[in-house]
Structures are given as C-alpha cells and as structure tokens.
Amino acid sequence: MALFICYEKCSTCKKAQKFLDDNNISYELRAIKEQNPTADELKQWHKISGLPLKRFFNTSGQLYRGMELSKKLPEMTEDEQFEILASDGMLVKRPLFIDGDTVLVGFKEAEWTEKLK
C-alpha cells in the first residue's frame, strides 16, 4: 500500500490528502512529526525519486532557517544530510507520497495527477 507522510497542520498536506481521497487513491497515513522518516528510508526514496537531495529539505521551515542549513548543507556529506533529515520530521519537505517506484515530494497537483492517474 502507498504511504502518505504529512503534517496535519500543513495546508499543502491537507490539499494533497484531499486530492488522494477525491481520486480514490488508497494510502497509509503517517504523521511526520510523530514518526519522521529514517535515514535509510530517505536514502531509498531519494534513490527512487531521482531528485536532488536538497528537494527533500523543507527549506521554508523555521527549523531549517534557524539551523542555517542553507549555509551548512554544501559542506555536508550526503550521509550527514540524510542523518540531519532523519533527526526531525520538520526538516523534511512534505507531503511525501511513496508507492513502489513512485516518490512524490511536496504537492503539485499537475505532477501528482500525471504520476498517479
């Protein structure tokens, strides 16, 4: 079954969840704040997605800005970046939708429509 990882207070996550429900796409819901992705999960999803690792960071989040990660990430190894992502779900771009070889990061309705229909 597909995995939908979101933050319940996030309006974008709510839109993505409505999209999934409206299109009868079944999923297992996982709250990112309570059960953030592990470094191993993130590595696997990153590999499948083909996206740059930076896309997995919530660059507009307070925690990301507070930790000044925009300055630190270029100096970090990939493994260090995965570890910091896994340290707090609020650092991870959301929502995440994972289903087999499909990994969607953030919600763009056109992209989700193309990949999921």
N, C-alpha and C. Protein backbone atom coordinates (compact mmCIF):
# COMPACT_ATOMS: atom_id res chain seq x y z
N MET A 1 0.83 -1.19 0.00
CA MET A 1 0.00 0.00 0.00
C MET A 1 0.87 1.25 0.00
N ALA A 2 0.38 2.28 -0.65
CA ALA A 2 1.10 3.55 -0.72
C ALA A 2 1.22 4.17 0.67
N LEU A 3 2.25 4.95 0.84
CA LEU A 3 2.50 5.64 2.10
C LEU A 3 2.38 7.15 1.86
N PHE A 4 1.55 7.80 2.67
CA PHE A 4 1.37 9.25 2.59
C PHE A 4 1.85 9.83 3.90
N ILE A 5 2.92 10.62 3.83
CA ILE A 5 3.52 11.21 5.02
C ILE A 5 3.23 12.70 5.01
N CYS A 6 2.61 13.16 6.10
CA CYS A 6 2.22 14.57 6.13
C CYS A 6 2.28 15.12 7.55
N TYR A 7 2.07 16.42 7.62
CA TYR A 7 1.97 17.15 8.88
C TYR A 7 0.55 17.68 8.93
N GLU A 8 -0.20 17.28 9.95
CA GLU A 8 -1.64 17.56 9.99
C GLU A 8 -2.00 19.05 9.95
N LYS A 9 -1.11 19.92 10.38
CA LYS A 9 -1.41 21.36 10.40
C LYS A 9 -1.02 22.07 9.11
N CYS A 10 -0.43 21.33 8.19
CA CYS A 10 0.07 21.90 6.93
C CYS A 10 -1.06 21.98 5.90
N SER A 11 -1.33 23.16 5.39
CA SER A 11 -2.41 23.33 4.41
C SER A 11 -2.10 22.61 3.10
N THR A 12 -0.86 22.56 2.69
CA THR A 12 -0.48 21.84 1.47
C THR A 12 -0.73 20.35 1.65
N CYS A 13 -0.42 19.83 2.82
CA CYS A 13 -0.67 18.41 3.09
C CYS A 13 -2.16 18.11 3.05
N LYS A 14 -2.96 19.03 3.56
CA LYS A 14 -4.42 18.84 3.53
C LYS A 14 -4.92 18.81 2.09
N LYS A 15 -4.37 19.66 1.24
CA LYS A 15 -4.76 19.67 -0.18
C LYS A 15 -4.37 18.36 -0.84
N ALA A 16 -3.18 17.87 -0.53
CA ALA A 16 -2.71 16.61 -1.11
C ALA A 16 -3.58 15.45 -0.65
N GLN A 17 -3.94 15.45 0.62
CA GLN A 17 -4.78 14.37 1.14
C GLN A 17 -6.16 14.41 0.49
N LYS A 18 -6.70 15.59 0.30
CA LYS A 18 -7.99 15.73 -0.38
C LYS A 18 -7.88 15.21 -1.81
N PHE A 19 -6.79 15.54 -2.48
CA PHE A 19 -6.55 15.05 -3.84
C PHE A 19 -6.57 13.52 -3.87
N LEU A 20 -5.85 12.90 -2.94
CA LEU A 20 -5.80 11.44 -2.89
C LEU A 20 -7.19 10.85 -2.64
N ASP A 21 -7.90 11.44 -1.68
CA ASP A 21 -9.24 10.95 -1.34
C ASP A 21 -10.20 11.14 -2.51
N ASP A 22 -10.16 12.31 -3.13
CA ASP A 22 -11.06 12.61 -4.25
C ASP A 22 -10.82 11.68 -5.44
N ASN A 23 -9.58 11.19 -5.56
CA ASN A 23 -9.23 10.32 -6.68
C ASN A 23 -9.19 8.84 -6.28
N ASN A 24 -9.75 8.54 -5.12
CA ASN A 24 -9.85 7.16 -4.64
C ASN A 24 -8.52 6.42 -4.64
N ILE A 25 -7.47 7.13 -4.23
CA ILE A 25 -6.14 6.54 -4.12
C ILE A 25 -5.95 6.14 -2.66
N SER A 26 -5.80 4.84 -2.42
CA SER A 26 -5.66 4.37 -1.04
C SER A 26 -4.21 4.53 -0.58
N TYR A 27 -4.07 4.76 0.71
CA TYR A 27 -2.75 5.01 1.29
C TYR A 27 -2.78 4.75 2.79
N GLU A 28 -1.60 4.56 3.31
CA GLU A 28 -1.42 4.50 4.76
C GLU A 28 -0.93 5.88 5.18
N LEU A 29 -1.59 6.47 6.16
CA LEU A 29 -1.25 7.81 6.63
C LEU A 29 -0.20 7.72 7.74
N ARG A 30 0.82 8.56 7.63
CA ARG A 30 1.86 8.61 8.66
C ARG A 30 2.14 10.07 9.00
N ALA A 31 2.04 10.39 10.28
CA ALA A 31 2.29 11.76 10.75
C ALA A 31 3.79 11.97 10.88
N ILE A 32 4.30 12.94 10.13
CA ILE A 32 5.75 13.15 10.05
C ILE A 32 6.35 13.64 11.37
N LYS A 33 5.57 14.36 12.15
CA LYS A 33 6.09 14.88 13.42
C LYS A 33 6.24 13.76 14.46
N GLU A 34 5.32 12.81 14.43
CA GLU A 34 5.36 11.71 15.38
C GLU A 34 6.27 10.57 14.92
N GLN A 35 6.36 10.36 13.63
CA GLN A 35 7.17 9.25 13.11
C GLN A 35 7.91 9.73 11.86
N ASN A 36 8.98 10.49 12.11
CA ASN A 36 9.73 11.03 10.97
C ASN A 36 10.47 9.91 10.24
N PRO A 37 10.70 10.11 8.94
CA PRO A 37 11.40 9.10 8.15
C PRO A 37 12.80 8.84 8.70
N THR A 38 13.23 7.60 8.57
CA THR A 38 14.59 7.24 8.98
C THR A 38 15.57 7.61 7.86
N ALA A 39 16.84 7.64 8.21
CA ALA A 39 17.87 7.93 7.20
C ALA A 39 17.82 6.87 6.09
N ASP A 40 17.62 5.60 6.46
CA ASP A 40 17.56 4.54 5.45
C ASP A 40 16.36 4.71 4.53
N GLU A 41 15.20 5.06 5.09
CA GLU A 41 14.03 5.32 4.25
C GLU A 41 14.30 6.46 3.28
N LEU A 42 14.86 7.54 3.81
CA LEU A 42 15.14 8.71 2.98
C LEU A 42 16.13 8.39 1.86
N LYS A 43 17.14 7.59 2.17
CA LYS A 43 18.11 7.18 1.14
C LYS A 43 17.42 6.41 0.04
N GLN A 44 16.56 5.49 0.43
CA GLN A 44 15.84 4.66 -0.55
C GLN A 44 14.93 5.53 -1.41
N TRP A 45 14.16 6.41 -0.80
CA TRP A 45 13.23 7.27 -1.54
C TRP A 45 13.98 8.24 -2.45
N HIS A 46 15.09 8.76 -1.95
CA HIS A 46 15.91 9.68 -2.76
C HIS A 46 16.39 8.96 -4.01
N LYS A 47 16.87 7.74 -3.85
CA LYS A 47 17.38 6.97 -4.99
C LYS A 47 16.27 6.72 -6.01
N ILE A 48 15.10 6.30 -5.53
CA ILE A 48 13.97 6.02 -6.42
C ILE A 48 13.51 7.29 -7.15
N SER A 49 13.46 8.39 -6.42
CA SER A 49 12.90 9.63 -6.96
C SER A 49 13.72 10.24 -8.08
N GLY A 50 15.03 10.09 -8.00
CA GLY A 50 15.90 10.74 -8.98
C GLY A 50 16.03 12.24 -8.76
N LEU A 51 15.47 12.73 -7.66
CA LEU A 51 15.50 14.17 -7.35
C LEU A 51 16.80 14.54 -6.64
N PRO A 52 17.21 15.79 -6.74
CA PRO A 52 18.35 16.25 -5.93
C PRO A 52 17.99 16.13 -4.45
N LEU A 53 18.94 15.80 -3.61
CA LEU A 53 18.69 15.62 -2.19
C LEU A 53 18.11 16.88 -1.55
N LYS A 54 18.51 18.03 -2.03
CA LYS A 54 18.01 19.29 -1.46
C LYS A 54 16.48 19.38 -1.54
N ARG A 55 15.86 18.73 -2.53
CA ARG A 55 14.40 18.75 -2.66
C ARG A 55 13.69 18.10 -1.48
N PHE A 56 14.41 17.28 -0.72
CA PHE A 56 13.82 16.61 0.43
C PHE A 56 13.83 17.49 1.68
N PHE A 57 14.49 18.64 1.61
CA PHE A 57 14.54 19.55 2.76
C PHE A 57 13.41 20.56 2.68
N ASN A 58 12.80 20.83 3.82
CA ASN A 58 11.78 21.85 3.94
C ASN A 58 12.49 23.20 4.10
N THR A 59 12.93 23.75 2.99
CA THR A 59 13.77 24.95 3.02
C THR A 59 13.04 26.20 3.51
N SER A 60 11.72 26.15 3.54
CA SER A 60 10.98 27.32 4.02
C SER A 60 10.60 27.19 5.50
N GLY A 61 10.98 26.08 6.12
CA GLY A 61 10.63 25.86 7.52
C GLY A 61 11.48 26.65 8.49
N GLN A 62 10.91 26.93 9.65
CA GLN A 62 11.62 27.68 10.68
C GLN A 62 12.85 26.95 11.18
N LEU A 63 12.74 25.63 11.34
CA LEU A 63 13.86 24.85 11.84
C LEU A 63 15.04 24.89 10.86
N TYR A 64 14.74 24.73 9.57
CA TYR A 64 15.78 24.79 8.52
C TYR A 64 16.48 26.14 8.58
N ARG A 65 15.71 27.20 8.65
CA ARG A 65 16.31 28.55 8.69
C ARG A 65 17.06 28.78 9.99
N GLY A 66 16.47 28.34 11.10
CA GLY A 66 17.10 28.53 12.40
C GLY A 66 18.43 27.82 12.52
N MET A 67 18.54 26.65 11.88
CA MET A 67 19.79 25.89 11.91
C MET A 67 20.78 26.37 10.85
N GLU A 68 20.35 27.35 10.05
CA GLU A 68 21.17 27.92 8.97
C GLU A 68 21.70 26.82 8.03
N LEU A 69 20.80 25.89 7.68
CA LEU A 69 21.21 24.77 6.85
C LEU A 69 21.57 25.17 5.43
N SER A 70 21.03 26.29 4.96
CA SER A 70 21.38 26.71 3.60
C SER A 70 22.89 26.96 3.49
N LYS A 71 23.50 27.38 4.59
CA LYS A 71 24.95 27.61 4.60
C LYS A 71 25.73 26.33 4.87
N LYS A 72 25.12 25.41 5.64
CA LYS A 72 25.84 24.21 6.08
C LYS A 72 25.76 23.04 5.10
N LEU A 73 24.64 22.91 4.40
CA LEU A 73 24.45 21.75 3.53
C LEU A 73 25.54 21.56 2.48
N PRO A 74 26.00 22.63 1.82
CA PRO A 74 27.03 22.43 0.79
C PRO A 74 28.31 21.78 1.33
N GLU A 75 28.57 21.93 2.63
CA GLU A 75 29.79 21.38 3.24
C GLU A 75 29.57 19.97 3.79
N MET A 76 28.32 19.51 3.82
CA MET A 76 28.00 18.22 4.43
C MET A 76 28.03 17.10 3.40
N THR A 77 28.38 15.90 3.87
CA THR A 77 28.31 14.72 3.00
C THR A 77 26.84 14.33 2.84
N GLU A 78 26.57 13.48 1.86
CA GLU A 78 25.20 13.00 1.68
C GLU A 78 24.71 12.27 2.92
N ASP A 79 25.56 11.43 3.50
CA ASP A 79 25.16 10.70 4.71
C ASP A 79 24.83 11.65 5.85
N GLU A 80 25.60 12.71 6.00
CA GLU A 80 25.31 13.69 7.05
C GLU A 80 23.98 14.38 6.79
N GLN A 81 23.69 14.66 5.52
CA GLN A 81 22.42 15.29 5.17
C GLN A 81 21.25 14.36 5.48
N PHE A 82 21.40 13.07 5.17
CA PHE A 82 20.33 12.11 5.49
C PHE A 82 20.12 12.02 7.00
N GLU A 83 21.20 12.03 7.75
CA GLU A 83 21.10 11.94 9.22
C GLU A 83 20.38 13.17 9.79
N ILE A 84 20.70 14.34 9.27
CA ILE A 84 20.04 15.54 9.80
C ILE A 84 18.57 15.56 9.40
N LEU A 85 18.25 15.10 8.19
CA LEU A 85 16.84 15.00 7.77
C LEU A 85 16.08 14.06 8.69
N ALA A 86 16.70 12.95 9.04
CA ALA A 86 16.05 11.94 9.88
C ALA A 86 15.94 12.39 11.34
N SER A 87 16.66 13.43 11.71
CA SER A 87 16.66 13.87 13.11
C SER A 87 15.38 14.58 13.52
N ASP A 88 14.66 15.16 12.55
CA ASP A 88 13.43 15.90 12.87
C ASP A 88 12.56 15.97 11.63
N GLY A 89 11.33 15.47 11.74
CA GLY A 89 10.41 15.47 10.61
C GLY A 89 10.11 16.85 10.05
N MET A 90 10.29 17.88 10.86
CA MET A 90 10.00 19.24 10.39
C MET A 90 11.05 19.72 9.39
N LEU A 91 12.15 19.02 9.26
CA LEU A 91 13.17 19.38 8.27
C LEU A 91 12.84 18.80 6.89
N VAL A 92 11.92 17.84 6.86
CA VAL A 92 11.61 17.13 5.62
C VAL A 92 10.49 17.83 4.86
N LYS A 93 10.70 18.01 3.57
CA LYS A 93 9.68 18.59 2.69
C LYS A 93 8.47 17.67 2.71
N ARG A 94 7.30 18.25 2.82
CA ARG A 94 6.09 17.44 2.87
C ARG A 94 5.03 18.06 2.00
N PRO A 95 4.05 17.27 1.64
CA PRO A 95 3.89 15.86 1.94
C PRO A 95 4.80 15.00 1.09
N LEU A 96 4.92 13.75 1.52
CA LEU A 96 5.63 12.72 0.76
C LEU A 96 4.62 11.64 0.40
N PHE A 97 4.69 11.17 -0.82
CA PHE A 97 3.85 10.06 -1.25
C PHE A 97 4.77 9.02 -1.88
N ILE A 98 4.73 7.81 -1.33
CA ILE A 98 5.60 6.75 -1.80
C ILE A 98 4.75 5.54 -2.16
N ASP A 99 4.90 5.08 -3.38
CA ASP A 99 4.17 3.90 -3.83
C ASP A 99 5.04 3.17 -4.85
N GLY A 100 5.70 2.12 -4.38
CA GLY A 100 6.58 1.36 -5.28
C GLY A 100 7.70 2.21 -5.82
N ASP A 101 7.70 2.40 -7.15
CA ASP A 101 8.77 3.20 -7.77
C ASP A 101 8.35 4.65 -7.99
N THR A 102 7.30 5.08 -7.30
CA THR A 102 6.86 6.48 -7.38
C THR A 102 7.12 7.16 -6.04
N VAL A 103 7.87 8.24 -6.08
CA VAL A 103 8.11 9.05 -4.88
C VAL A 103 7.82 10.50 -5.26
N LEU A 104 6.84 11.09 -4.58
CA LEU A 104 6.48 12.49 -4.82
C LEU A 104 6.81 13.30 -3.57
N VAL A 105 7.51 14.41 -3.76
CA VAL A 105 7.94 15.26 -2.66
C VAL A 105 7.30 16.62 -2.84
N GLY A 106 6.53 17.06 -1.84
CA GLY A 106 5.79 18.30 -1.97
C GLY A 106 4.56 18.04 -2.84
N PHE A 107 3.60 18.94 -2.80
CA PHE A 107 2.37 18.72 -3.57
C PHE A 107 2.25 19.73 -4.69
N LYS A 108 2.31 19.22 -5.91
CA LYS A 108 1.99 20.00 -7.10
C LYS A 108 0.94 19.18 -7.82
N GLU A 109 -0.29 19.69 -7.87
CA GLU A 109 -1.42 18.90 -8.36
C GLU A 109 -1.18 18.34 -9.75
N ALA A 110 -0.61 19.12 -10.65
CA ALA A 110 -0.37 18.65 -12.01
C ALA A 110 0.57 17.45 -12.01
N GLU A 111 1.63 17.52 -11.23
CA GLU A 111 2.59 16.42 -11.15
C GLU A 111 1.94 15.17 -10.54
N TRP A 112 1.18 15.35 -9.48
CA TRP A 112 0.52 14.22 -8.83
C TRP A 112 -0.50 13.58 -9.77
N THR A 113 -1.22 14.42 -10.52
CA THR A 113 -2.20 13.92 -11.47
C THR A 113 -1.51 13.06 -12.53
N GLU A 114 -0.41 13.58 -13.07
CA GLU A 114 0.33 12.86 -14.10
C GLU A 114 0.88 11.52 -13.59
N LYS A 115 1.43 11.53 -12.38
CA LYS A 115 2.09 10.32 -11.86
C LYS A 115 1.12 9.29 -11.27
N LEU A 116 -0.04 9.75 -10.80
CA LEU A 116 -0.91 8.84 -10.06
C LEU A 116 -2.18 8.41 -10.79
N LYS A 117 -2.40 8.95 -11.98
CA LYS A 117 -3.62 8.56 -12.69
C LYS A 117 -3.31 7.72 -13.90
